[in-house]
Structures are given as structure tokens and as C-alpha cells.
Amino acid sequence: EEIKEEVKTEDQTAEEKSEENPLEKELSDVKEQLMR
């Protein structure tokens, strides 16, 4: 249960980071476009 909770917490943290910082998501999208 503790491991499951840690994974959930990490997933939530990653989602929160992407929600908190849309610039990072946009940057990764632009990088992908540039590579293509």
C-alpha cells in the first residue's frame, strides 16, 4: 500500500508540475516538432 501510495503521489506530483508549469510542456512539444 505504501508503494502504491508513493506511485500515486509521484504521478500526482508530475501532473501538478505539468499543470503548474505549462511552459515545460510547451517546450517539450516544440522540441519534438523541431526534431521532426
PDB file of all heavy atoms in Angstrom:
ATOM      1  N   GLU A   1       0.834  -1.203   0.000  1.00  0.00           N
ATOM      2  CA  GLU A   1       0.000   0.000   0.000  1.00  0.00           C
ATOM      3  C   GLU A   1       0.868   1.253   0.000  1.00  0.00           C
ATOM      4  O   GLU A   1       0.561   2.236  -0.681  1.00  0.00           O
ATOM      5  CB  GLU A   1      -0.935   0.008   1.218  1.00  0.00           C
ATOM      6  CG  GLU A   1      -2.057  -0.999   1.098  1.00  0.00           C
ATOM      7  CD  GLU A   1      -2.895  -1.093   2.362  1.00  0.00           C
ATOM      8  OE1 GLU A   1      -2.648  -0.320   3.311  1.00  0.00           O
ATOM      9  OE2 GLU A   1      -3.790  -1.933   2.393  1.00  0.00           O
ATOM     10  N   GLU A   2       1.954   1.191   0.745  1.00  0.00           N
ATOM     11  CA  GLU A   2       2.857   2.340   0.796  1.00  0.00           C
ATOM     12  C   GLU A   2       3.485   2.600  -0.581  1.00  0.00           C
ATOM     13  O   GLU A   2       3.581   3.741  -1.035  1.00  0.00           O
ATOM     14  CB  GLU A   2       3.967   2.103   1.820  1.00  0.00           C
ATOM     15  CG  GLU A   2       3.526   2.247   3.237  1.00  0.00           C
ATOM     16  CD  GLU A   2       4.649   1.946   4.217  1.00  0.00           C
ATOM     17  OE1 GLU A   2       5.849   2.051   3.830  1.00  0.00           O
ATOM     18  OE2 GLU A   2       4.328   1.627   5.357  1.00  0.00           O
ATOM     19  N   ILE A   3       3.858   1.543  -1.298  1.00  0.00           N
ATOM     20  CA  ILE A   3       4.444   1.693  -2.638  1.00  0.00           C
ATOM     21  C   ILE A   3       3.405   2.280  -3.595  1.00  0.00           C
ATOM     22  O   ILE A   3       3.695   3.191  -4.368  1.00  0.00           O
ATOM     23  CB  ILE A   3       4.969   0.337  -3.164  1.00  0.00           C
ATOM     24  CG1 ILE A   3       6.190  -0.101  -2.343  1.00  0.00           C
ATOM     25  CG2 ILE A   3       5.327   0.415  -4.652  1.00  0.00           C
ATOM     26  CD1 ILE A   3       6.672  -1.494  -2.643  1.00  0.00           C
ATOM     27  N   LYS A   4       2.162   1.748  -3.504  1.00  0.00           N
ATOM     28  CA  LYS A   4       1.100   2.264  -4.366  1.00  0.00           C
ATOM     29  C   LYS A   4       0.852   3.738  -4.083  1.00  0.00           C
ATOM     30  O   LYS A   4       0.637   4.536  -4.994  1.00  0.00           O
ATOM     31  CB  LYS A   4      -0.183   1.459  -4.170  1.00  0.00           C
ATOM     32  CG  LYS A   4      -0.126   0.074  -4.786  1.00  0.00           C
ATOM     33  CD  LYS A   4      -1.401  -0.683  -4.539  1.00  0.00           C
ATOM     34  CE  LYS A   4      -1.310  -2.105  -5.075  1.00  0.00           C
ATOM     35  NZ  LYS A   4      -2.515  -2.885  -4.807  1.00  0.00           N
ATOM     36  N   GLU A   5       0.870   4.082  -2.839  1.00  0.00           N
ATOM     37  CA  GLU A   5       0.652   5.484  -2.470  1.00  0.00           C
ATOM     38  C   GLU A   5       1.791   6.366  -2.978  1.00  0.00           C
ATOM     39  O   GLU A   5       1.547   7.474  -3.453  1.00  0.00           O
ATOM     40  CB  GLU A   5       0.521   5.611  -0.943  1.00  0.00           C
ATOM     41  CG  GLU A   5      -0.795   5.147  -0.424  1.00  0.00           C
ATOM     42  CD  GLU A   5      -0.887   5.278   1.095  1.00  0.00           C
ATOM     43  OE1 GLU A   5      -0.186   6.128   1.682  1.00  0.00           O
ATOM     44  OE2 GLU A   5      -1.672   4.524   1.665  1.00  0.00           O
ATOM     45  N   GLU A   6       3.023   5.877  -2.920  1.00  0.00           N
ATOM     46  CA  GLU A   6       4.161   6.645  -3.431  1.00  0.00           C
ATOM     47  C   GLU A   6       4.052   6.869  -4.939  1.00  0.00           C
ATOM     48  O   GLU A   6       4.300   7.964  -5.438  1.00  0.00           O
ATOM     49  CB  GLU A   6       5.483   5.918  -3.112  1.00  0.00           C
ATOM     50  CG  GLU A   6       5.944   6.065  -1.701  1.00  0.00           C
ATOM     51  CD  GLU A   6       7.257   5.343  -1.451  1.00  0.00           C
ATOM     52  OE1 GLU A   6       8.135   5.366  -2.356  1.00  0.00           O
ATOM     53  OE2 GLU A   6       7.401   4.761  -0.377  1.00  0.00           O
ATOM     54  N   VAL A   7       3.642   5.804  -5.665  1.00  0.00           N
ATOM     55  CA  VAL A   7       3.485   5.927  -7.117  1.00  0.00           C
ATOM     56  C   VAL A   7       2.392   6.941  -7.426  1.00  0.00           C
ATOM     57  O   VAL A   7       2.551   7.795  -8.301  1.00  0.00           O
ATOM     58  CB  VAL A   7       3.179   4.554  -7.749  1.00  0.00           C
ATOM     59  CG1 VAL A   7       2.759   4.692  -9.203  1.00  0.00           C
ATOM     60  CG2 VAL A   7       4.388   3.643  -7.635  1.00  0.00           C
ATOM     61  N   LYS A   8       1.258   6.827  -6.683  1.00  0.00           N
ATOM     62  CA  LYS A   8       0.176   7.777  -6.894  1.00  0.00           C
ATOM     63  C   LYS A   8       0.650   9.194  -6.605  1.00  0.00           C
ATOM     64  O   LYS A   8       0.339  10.124  -7.341  1.00  0.00           O
ATOM     65  CB  LYS A   8      -1.023   7.440  -5.999  1.00  0.00           C
ATOM     66  CG  LYS A   8      -1.834   6.268  -6.473  1.00  0.00           C
ATOM     67  CD  LYS A   8      -3.010   6.045  -5.542  1.00  0.00           C
ATOM     68  CE  LYS A   8      -3.783   4.795  -5.925  1.00  0.00           C
ATOM     69  NZ  LYS A   8      -4.893   4.540  -5.004  1.00  0.00           N
ATOM     70  N   THR A   9       1.415   9.340  -5.554  1.00  0.00           N
ATOM     71  CA  THR A   9       1.921  10.654  -5.174  1.00  0.00           C
ATOM     72  C   THR A   9       2.852  11.206  -6.251  1.00  0.00           C
ATOM     73  O   THR A   9       2.760  12.380  -6.624  1.00  0.00           O
ATOM     74  CB  THR A   9       2.674  10.582  -3.832  1.00  0.00           C
ATOM     75  OG1 THR A   9       1.832   9.947  -2.860  1.00  0.00           O
ATOM     76  CG2 THR A   9       3.076  11.950  -3.349  1.00  0.00           C
ATOM     77  N   GLU A  10       3.730  10.348  -6.786  1.00  0.00           N
ATOM     78  CA  GLU A  10       4.641  10.782  -7.848  1.00  0.00           C
ATOM     79  C   GLU A  10       3.870  11.173  -9.096  1.00  0.00           C
ATOM     80  O   GLU A  10       4.179  12.177  -9.748  1.00  0.00           O
ATOM     81  CB  GLU A  10       5.653   9.670  -8.170  1.00  0.00           C
ATOM     82  CG  GLU A  10       6.713   9.487  -7.124  1.00  0.00           C
ATOM     83  CD  GLU A  10       7.636   8.319  -7.423  1.00  0.00           C
ATOM     84  OE1 GLU A  10       7.521   7.718  -8.514  1.00  0.00           O
ATOM     85  OE2 GLU A  10       8.469   8.004  -6.563  1.00  0.00           O
ATOM     86  N   ASP A  11       2.853  10.365  -9.466  1.00  0.00           N
ATOM     87  CA  ASP A  11       2.035  10.691 -10.630  1.00  0.00           C
ATOM     88  C   ASP A  11       1.311  12.019 -10.422  1.00  0.00           C
ATOM     89  O   ASP A  11       1.256  12.854 -11.334  1.00  0.00           O
ATOM     90  CB  ASP A  11       1.015   9.589 -10.917  1.00  0.00           C
ATOM     91  CG  ASP A  11       1.652   8.316 -11.480  1.00  0.00           C
ATOM     92  OD1 ASP A  11       2.812   8.418 -11.961  1.00  0.00           O
ATOM     93  OD2 ASP A  11       0.995   7.264 -11.445  1.00  0.00           O
ATOM     94  N   GLN A  12       0.774  12.191  -9.235  1.00  0.00           N
ATOM     95  CA  GLN A  12       0.082  13.445  -8.942  1.00  0.00           C
ATOM     96  C   GLN A  12       1.060  14.621  -8.979  1.00  0.00           C
ATOM     97  O   GLN A  12       0.736  15.689  -9.497  1.00  0.00           O
ATOM     98  CB  GLN A  12      -0.597  13.372  -7.567  1.00  0.00           C
ATOM     99  CG  GLN A  12      -1.814  12.479  -7.546  1.00  0.00           C
ATOM    100  CD  GLN A  12      -2.382  12.318  -6.146  1.00  0.00           C
ATOM    101  OE1 GLN A  12      -1.785  12.750  -5.162  1.00  0.00           O
ATOM    102  NE2 GLN A  12      -3.540  11.671  -6.049  1.00  0.00           N
ATOM    103  N   THR A  13       2.265  14.401  -8.468  1.00  0.00           N
ATOM    104  CA  THR A  13       3.276  15.455  -8.473  1.00  0.00           C
ATOM    105  C   THR A  13       3.657  15.830  -9.908  1.00  0.00           C
ATOM    106  O   THR A  13       3.783  17.002 -10.237  1.00  0.00           O
ATOM    107  CB  THR A  13       4.529  15.006  -7.700  1.00  0.00           C
ATOM    108  OG1 THR A  13       4.148  14.554  -6.404  1.00  0.00           O
ATOM    109  CG2 THR A  13       5.520  16.139  -7.549  1.00  0.00           C
ATOM    110  N   ALA A  14       3.820  14.829 -10.775  1.00  0.00           N
ATOM    111  CA  ALA A  14       4.165  15.084 -12.177  1.00  0.00           C
ATOM    112  C   ALA A  14       3.026  15.841 -12.861  1.00  0.00           C
ATOM    113  O   ALA A  14       3.264  16.778 -13.628  1.00  0.00           O
ATOM    114  CB  ALA A  14       4.441  13.773 -12.904  1.00  0.00           C
ATOM    115  N   GLU A  15       1.773  15.420 -12.564  1.00  0.00           N
ATOM    116  CA  GLU A  15       0.629  16.120 -13.144  1.00  0.00           C
ATOM    117  C   GLU A  15       0.567  17.558 -12.640  1.00  0.00           C
ATOM    118  O   GLU A  15       0.296  18.481 -13.393  1.00  0.00           O
ATOM    119  CB  GLU A  15      -0.676  15.398 -12.803  1.00  0.00           C
ATOM    120  CG  GLU A  15      -0.871  14.106 -13.586  1.00  0.00           C
ATOM    121  CD  GLU A  15      -2.137  13.364 -13.151  1.00  0.00           C
ATOM    122  OE1 GLU A  15      -2.991  13.977 -12.478  1.00  0.00           O
ATOM    123  OE2 GLU A  15      -2.261  12.190 -13.494  1.00  0.00           O
ATOM    124  N   GLU A  16       0.818  17.705 -11.338  1.00  0.00           N
ATOM    125  CA  GLU A  16       0.791  19.043 -10.766  1.00  0.00           C
ATOM    126  C   GLU A  16       1.878  19.921 -11.386  1.00  0.00           C
ATOM    127  O   GLU A  16       1.651  21.091 -11.679  1.00  0.00           O
ATOM    128  CB  GLU A  16       0.966  18.983  -9.242  1.00  0.00           C
ATOM    129  CG  GLU A  16      -0.244  18.431  -8.525  1.00  0.00           C
ATOM    130  CD  GLU A  16       0.014  18.194  -7.044  1.00  0.00           C
ATOM    131  OE1 GLU A  16       1.119  18.537  -6.564  1.00  0.00           O
ATOM    132  OE2 GLU A  16      -0.879  17.658  -6.376  1.00  0.00           O
ATOM    133  N   LYS A  17       3.054  19.315 -11.603  1.00  0.00           N
ATOM    134  CA  LYS A  17       4.147  20.080 -12.218  1.00  0.00           C
ATOM    135  C   LYS A  17       3.768  20.522 -13.622  1.00  0.00           C
ATOM    136  O   LYS A  17       4.022  21.653 -14.007  1.00  0.00           O
ATOM    137  CB  LYS A  17       5.436  19.247 -12.261  1.00  0.00           C
ATOM    138  CG  LYS A  17       6.155  19.170 -10.956  1.00  0.00           C
ATOM    139  CD  LYS A  17       7.452  18.419 -11.101  1.00  0.00           C
ATOM    140  CE  LYS A  17       8.180  18.329  -9.783  1.00  0.00           C
ATOM    141  NZ  LYS A  17       9.410  17.536  -9.897  1.00  0.00           N
ATOM    142  N   SER A  18       3.163  19.597 -14.377  1.00  0.00           N
ATOM    143  CA  SER A  18       2.795  19.970 -15.740  1.00  0.00           C
ATOM    144  C   SER A  18       1.662  20.993 -15.724  1.00  0.00           C
ATOM    145  O   SER A  18       1.593  21.854 -16.585  1.00  0.00           O
ATOM    146  CB  SER A  18       2.430  18.749 -16.571  1.00  0.00           C
ATOM    147  OG  SER A  18       1.255  18.151 -16.056  1.00  0.00           O
ATOM    148  N   GLU A  19       0.761  20.862 -14.731  1.00  0.00           N
ATOM    149  CA  GLU A  19      -0.296  21.853 -14.608  1.00  0.00           C
ATOM    150  C   GLU A  19       0.268  23.175 -14.100  1.00  0.00           C
ATOM    151  O   GLU A  19      -0.140  24.238 -14.542  1.00  0.00           O
ATOM    152  CB  GLU A  19      -1.389  21.349 -13.661  1.00  0.00           C
ATOM    153  CG  GLU A  19      -2.223  20.236 -14.254  1.00  0.00           C
ATOM    154  CD  GLU A  19      -3.206  19.666 -13.256  1.00  0.00           C
ATOM    155  OE1 GLU A  19      -3.369  20.241 -12.165  1.00  0.00           O
ATOM    156  OE2 GLU A  19      -3.812  18.633 -13.563  1.00  0.00           O
ATOM    157  N   GLU A  20       1.196  23.088 -13.195  1.00  0.00           N
ATOM    158  CA  GLU A  20       1.789  24.289 -12.633  1.00  0.00           C
ATOM    159  C   GLU A  20       2.648  25.008 -13.670  1.00  0.00           C
ATOM    160  O   GLU A  20       2.685  26.220 -13.702  1.00  0.00           O
ATOM    161  CB  GLU A  20       2.671  23.935 -11.427  1.00  0.00           C
ATOM    162  CG  GLU A  20       1.901  23.542 -10.200  1.00  0.00           C
ATOM    163  CD  GLU A  20       2.823  23.112  -9.073  1.00  0.00           C
ATOM    164  OE1 GLU A  20       4.032  23.399  -9.136  1.00  0.00           O
ATOM    165  OE2 GLU A  20       2.326  22.477  -8.147  1.00  0.00           O
ATOM    166  N   ASN A  21       3.356  24.239 -14.509  1.00  0.00           N
ATOM    167  CA  ASN A  21       4.276  24.848 -15.461  1.00  0.00           C
ATOM    168  C   ASN A  21       3.946  24.407 -16.888  1.00  0.00           C
ATOM    169  O   ASN A  21       4.565  23.498 -17.416  1.00  0.00           O
ATOM    170  CB  ASN A  21       5.712  24.473 -15.096  1.00  0.00           C
ATOM    171  CG  ASN A  21       6.707  25.371 -15.767  1.00  0.00           C
ATOM    172  OD1 ASN A  21       6.347  26.163 -16.624  1.00  0.00           O
ATOM    173  ND2 ASN A  21       7.956  25.227 -15.393  1.00  0.00           N
ATOM    174  N   PRO A  22       3.002  25.076 -17.548  1.00  0.00           N
ATOM    175  CA  PRO A  22       2.663  24.702 -18.924  1.00  0.00           C
ATOM    176  C   PRO A  22       3.796  25.027 -19.898  1.00  0.00           C
ATOM    177  O   PRO A  22       3.837  24.496 -20.993  1.00  0.00           O
ATOM    178  CB  PRO A  22       1.417  25.531 -19.229  1.00  0.00           C
ATOM    179  CG  PRO A  22       1.418  26.646 -18.251  1.00  0.00           C
ATOM    180  CD  PRO A  22       2.163  26.154 -17.050  1.00  0.00           C
ATOM    181  N   LEU A  23       4.711  25.860 -19.498  1.00  0.00           N
ATOM    182  CA  LEU A  23       5.850  26.197 -20.362  1.00  0.00           C
ATOM    183  C   LEU A  23       6.733  24.987 -20.622  1.00  0.00           C
ATOM    184  O   LEU A  23       7.257  24.818 -21.724  1.00  0.00           O
ATOM    185  CB  LEU A  23       6.676  27.331 -19.757  1.00  0.00           C
ATOM    186  CG  LEU A  23       6.002  28.697 -19.729  1.00  0.00           C
ATOM    187  CD1 LEU A  23       6.903  29.699 -19.031  1.00  0.00           C
ATOM    188  CD2 LEU A  23       5.670  29.166 -21.124  1.00  0.00           C
ATOM    189  N   GLU A  24       6.893  24.128 -19.598  1.00  0.00           N
ATOM    190  CA  GLU A  24       7.703  22.923 -19.786  1.00  0.00           C
ATOM    191  C   GLU A  24       7.054  21.987 -20.802  1.00  0.00           C
ATOM    192  O   GLU A  24       7.728  21.414 -21.647  1.00  0.00           O
ATOM    193  CB  GLU A  24       7.903  22.205 -18.451  1.00  0.00           C
ATOM    194  CG  GLU A  24       8.873  22.900 -17.536  1.00  0.00           C
ATOM    195  CD  GLU A  24       9.115  22.133 -16.248  1.00  0.00           C
ATOM    196  OE1 GLU A  24       8.758  20.936 -16.188  1.00  0.00           O
ATOM    197  OE2 GLU A  24       9.642  22.735 -15.320  1.00  0.00           O
ATOM    198  N   LYS A  25       5.726  21.850 -20.739  1.00  0.00           N
ATOM    199  CA  LYS A  25       5.016  21.008 -21.698  1.00  0.00           C
ATOM    200  C   LYS A  25       5.142  21.599 -23.101  1.00  0.00           C
ATOM    201  O   LYS A  25       5.425  20.889 -24.064  1.00  0.00           O
ATOM    202  CB  LYS A  25       3.548  20.898 -21.306  1.00  0.00           C
ATOM    203  CG  LYS A  25       2.764  19.938 -22.186  1.00  0.00           C
ATOM    204  CD  LYS A  25       1.354  19.799 -21.675  1.00  0.00           C
ATOM    205  CE  LYS A  25       0.526  18.784 -22.373  1.00  0.00           C
ATOM    206  NZ  LYS A  25       0.669  18.602 -23.770  1.00  0.00           N
ATOM    207  N   GLU A  26       4.978  22.905 -23.199  1.00  0.00           N
ATOM    208  CA  GLU A  26       5.101  23.567 -24.496  1.00  0.00           C
ATOM    209  C   GLU A  26       6.518  23.418 -25.039  1.00  0.00           C
ATOM    210  O   GLU A  26       6.722  23.171 -26.228  1.00  0.00           O
ATOM    211  CB  GLU A  26       4.741  25.045 -24.375  1.00  0.00           C
ATOM    212  CG  GLU A  26       4.681  25.766 -25.684  1.00  0.00           C
ATOM    213  CD  GLU A  26       4.239  27.215 -25.542  1.00  0.00           C
ATOM    214  OE1 GLU A  26       3.699  27.590 -24.497  1.00  0.00           O
ATOM    215  OE2 GLU A  26       4.471  27.952 -26.513  1.00  0.00           O
ATOM    216  N   LEU A  27       7.512  23.540 -24.158  1.00  0.00           N
ATOM    217  CA  LEU A  27       8.901  23.384 -24.561  1.00  0.00           C
ATOM    218  C   LEU A  27       9.158  21.985 -25.095  1.00  0.00           C
ATOM    219  O   LEU A  27       9.801  21.811 -26.134  1.00  0.00           O
ATOM    220  CB  LEU A  27       9.843  23.695 -23.393  1.00  0.00           C
ATOM    221  CG  LEU A  27      11.325  23.503 -23.657  1.00  0.00           C
ATOM    222  CD1 LEU A  27      11.786  24.480 -24.738  1.00  0.00           C
ATOM    223  CD2 LEU A  27      12.120  23.692 -22.387  1.00  0.00           C
ATOM    224  N   SER A  28       8.651  20.983 -24.421  1.00  0.00           N
ATOM    225  CA  SER A  28       8.866  19.615 -24.895  1.00  0.00           C
ATOM    226  C   SER A  28       8.149  19.390 -26.231  1.00  0.00           C
ATOM    227  O   SER A  28       8.672  18.704 -27.113  1.00  0.00           O
ATOM    228  CB  SER A  28       8.416  18.593 -23.858  1.00  0.00           C
ATOM    229  OG  SER A  28       7.018  18.625 -23.697  1.00  0.00           O
ATOM    230  N   ASP A  29       6.967  19.995 -26.420  1.00  0.00           N
ATOM    231  CA  ASP A  29       6.265  19.878 -27.707  1.00  0.00           C
ATOM    232  C   ASP A  29       7.052  20.551 -28.820  1.00  0.00           C
ATOM    233  O   ASP A  29       7.180  20.006 -29.924  1.00  0.00           O
ATOM    234  CB  ASP A  29       4.869  20.513 -27.613  1.00  0.00           C
ATOM    235  CG  ASP A  29       3.916  19.708 -26.745  1.00  0.00           C
ATOM    236  OD1 ASP A  29       4.232  18.542 -26.429  1.00  0.00           O
ATOM    237  OD2 ASP A  29       2.854  20.266 -26.373  1.00  0.00           O
ATOM    238  N   VAL A  30       7.602  21.714 -28.545  1.00  0.00           N
ATOM    239  CA  VAL A  30       8.381  22.434 -29.547  1.00  0.00           C
ATOM    240  C   VAL A  30       9.653  21.658 -29.885  1.00  0.00           C
ATOM    241  O   VAL A  30      10.050  21.578 -31.058  1.00  0.00           O
ATOM    242  CB  VAL A  30       8.701  23.872 -29.075  1.00  0.00           C
ATOM    243  CG1 VAL A  30       9.711  24.542 -29.977  1.00  0.00           C
ATOM    244  CG2 VAL A  30       7.428  24.694 -29.002  1.00  0.00           C
ATOM    245  N   LYS A  31      10.287  21.072 -28.887  1.00  0.00           N
ATOM    246  CA  LYS A  31      11.479  20.257 -29.130  1.00  0.00           C
ATOM    247  C   LYS A  31      11.140  19.084 -30.053  1.00  0.00           C
ATOM    248  O   LYS A  31      11.884  18.771 -30.983  1.00  0.00           O
ATOM    249  CB  LYS A  31      12.062  19.724 -27.816  1.00  0.00           C
ATOM    250  CG  LYS A  31      12.883  20.715 -27.057  1.00  0.00           C
ATOM    251  CD  LYS A  31      13.462  20.061 -25.811  1.00  0.00           C
ATOM    252  CE  LYS A  31      14.298  21.023 -25.003  1.00  0.00           C
ATOM    253  NZ  LYS A  31      14.827  20.387 -23.786  1.00  0.00           N
ATOM    254  N   GLU A  32      10.008  18.436 -29.785  1.00  0.00           N
ATOM    255  CA  GLU A  32       9.596  17.304 -30.603  1.00  0.00           C
ATOM    256  C   GLU A  32       9.323  17.748 -32.036  1.00  0.00           C
ATOM    257  O   GLU A  32       9.745  17.087 -32.992  1.00  0.00           O
ATOM    258  CB  GLU A  32       8.340  16.659 -30.010  1.00  0.00           C
ATOM    259  CG  GLU A  32       7.939  15.383 -30.727  1.00  0.00           C
ATOM    260  CD  GLU A  32       6.744  14.722 -30.067  1.00  0.00           C
ATOM    261  OE1 GLU A  32       6.614  14.786 -28.829  1.00  0.00           O
ATOM    262  OE2 GLU A  32       5.959  14.129 -30.818  1.00  0.00           O
ATOM    263  N   GLN A  33       8.643  18.897 -32.193  1.00  0.00           N
ATOM    264  CA  GLN A  33       8.392  19.427 -33.539  1.00  0.00           C
ATOM    265  C   GLN A  33       9.696  19.733 -34.260  1.00  0.00           C
ATOM    266  O   GLN A  33       9.846  19.430 -35.448  1.00  0.00           O
ATOM    267  CB  GLN A  33       7.574  20.721 -33.452  1.00  0.00           C
ATOM    268  CG  GLN A  33       6.095  20.524 -33.435  1.00  0.00           C
ATOM    269  CD  GLN A  33       5.392  21.876 -33.467  1.00  0.00           C
ATOM    270  OE1 GLN A  33       5.826  22.830 -32.814  1.00  0.00           O
ATOM    271  NE2 GLN A  33       4.305  21.947 -34.211  1.00  0.00           N
ATOM    272  N   LEU A  34      10.627  20.335 -33.564  1.00  0.00           N
ATOM    273  CA  LEU A  34      11.920  20.678 -34.158  1.00  0.00           C
ATOM    274  C   LEU A  34      12.655  19.424 -34.621  1.00  0.00           C
ATOM    275  O   LEU A  34      13.227  19.399 -35.712  1.00  0.00           O
ATOM    276  CB  LEU A  34      12.772  21.471 -33.169  1.00  0.00           C
ATOM    277  CG  LEU A  34      14.149  21.893 -33.653  1.00  0.00           C
ATOM    278  CD1 LEU A  34      14.025  22.823 -34.852  1.00  0.00           C
ATOM    279  CD2 LEU A  34      14.927  22.569 -32.546  1.00  0.00           C
ATOM    280  N   MET A  35      12.626  18.388 -33.818  1.00  0.00           N
ATOM    281  CA  MET A  35      13.283  17.134 -34.201  1.00  0.00           C
ATOM    282  C   MET A  35      12.635  16.548 -35.454  1.00  0.00           C
ATOM    283  O   MET A  35      13.324  16.072 -36.354  1.00  0.00           O
ATOM    284  CB  MET A  35      13.236  16.133 -33.042  1.00  0.00           C
ATOM    285  CG  MET A  35      14.183  16.500 -31.911  1.00  0.00           C
ATOM    286  SD  MET A  35      14.063  15.472 -30.424  1.00  0.00           S
ATOM    287  CE  MET A  35      13.901  13.845 -31.026  1.00  0.00           C
ATOM    288  N   ARG A  36      11.317  16.612 -35.537  1.00  0.00           N
ATOM    289  CA  ARG A  36      10.616  16.075 -36.716  1.00  0.00           C
ATOM    290  C   ARG A  36      10.943  16.891 -37.968  1.00  0.00           C
ATOM    291  O   ARG A  36      11.194  16.327 -39.027  1.00  0.00           O
ATOM    292  CB  ARG A  36       9.108  16.060 -36.485  1.00  0.00           C
ATOM    293  CG  ARG A  36       8.674  15.005 -35.507  1.00  0.00           C
ATOM    294  CD  ARG A  36       7.189  15.095 -35.236  1.00  0.00           C
ATOM    295  NE  ARG A  36       6.847  14.239 -34.111  1.00  0.00           N
ATOM    296  CZ  ARG A  36       5.930  13.299 -34.164  1.00  0.00           C
ATOM    297  NH1 ARG A  36       5.260  13.098 -35.278  1.00  0.00           N
ATOM    298  NH2 ARG A  36       5.675  12.572 -33.114  1.00  0.00           N
TER     299      ARG A  36
END
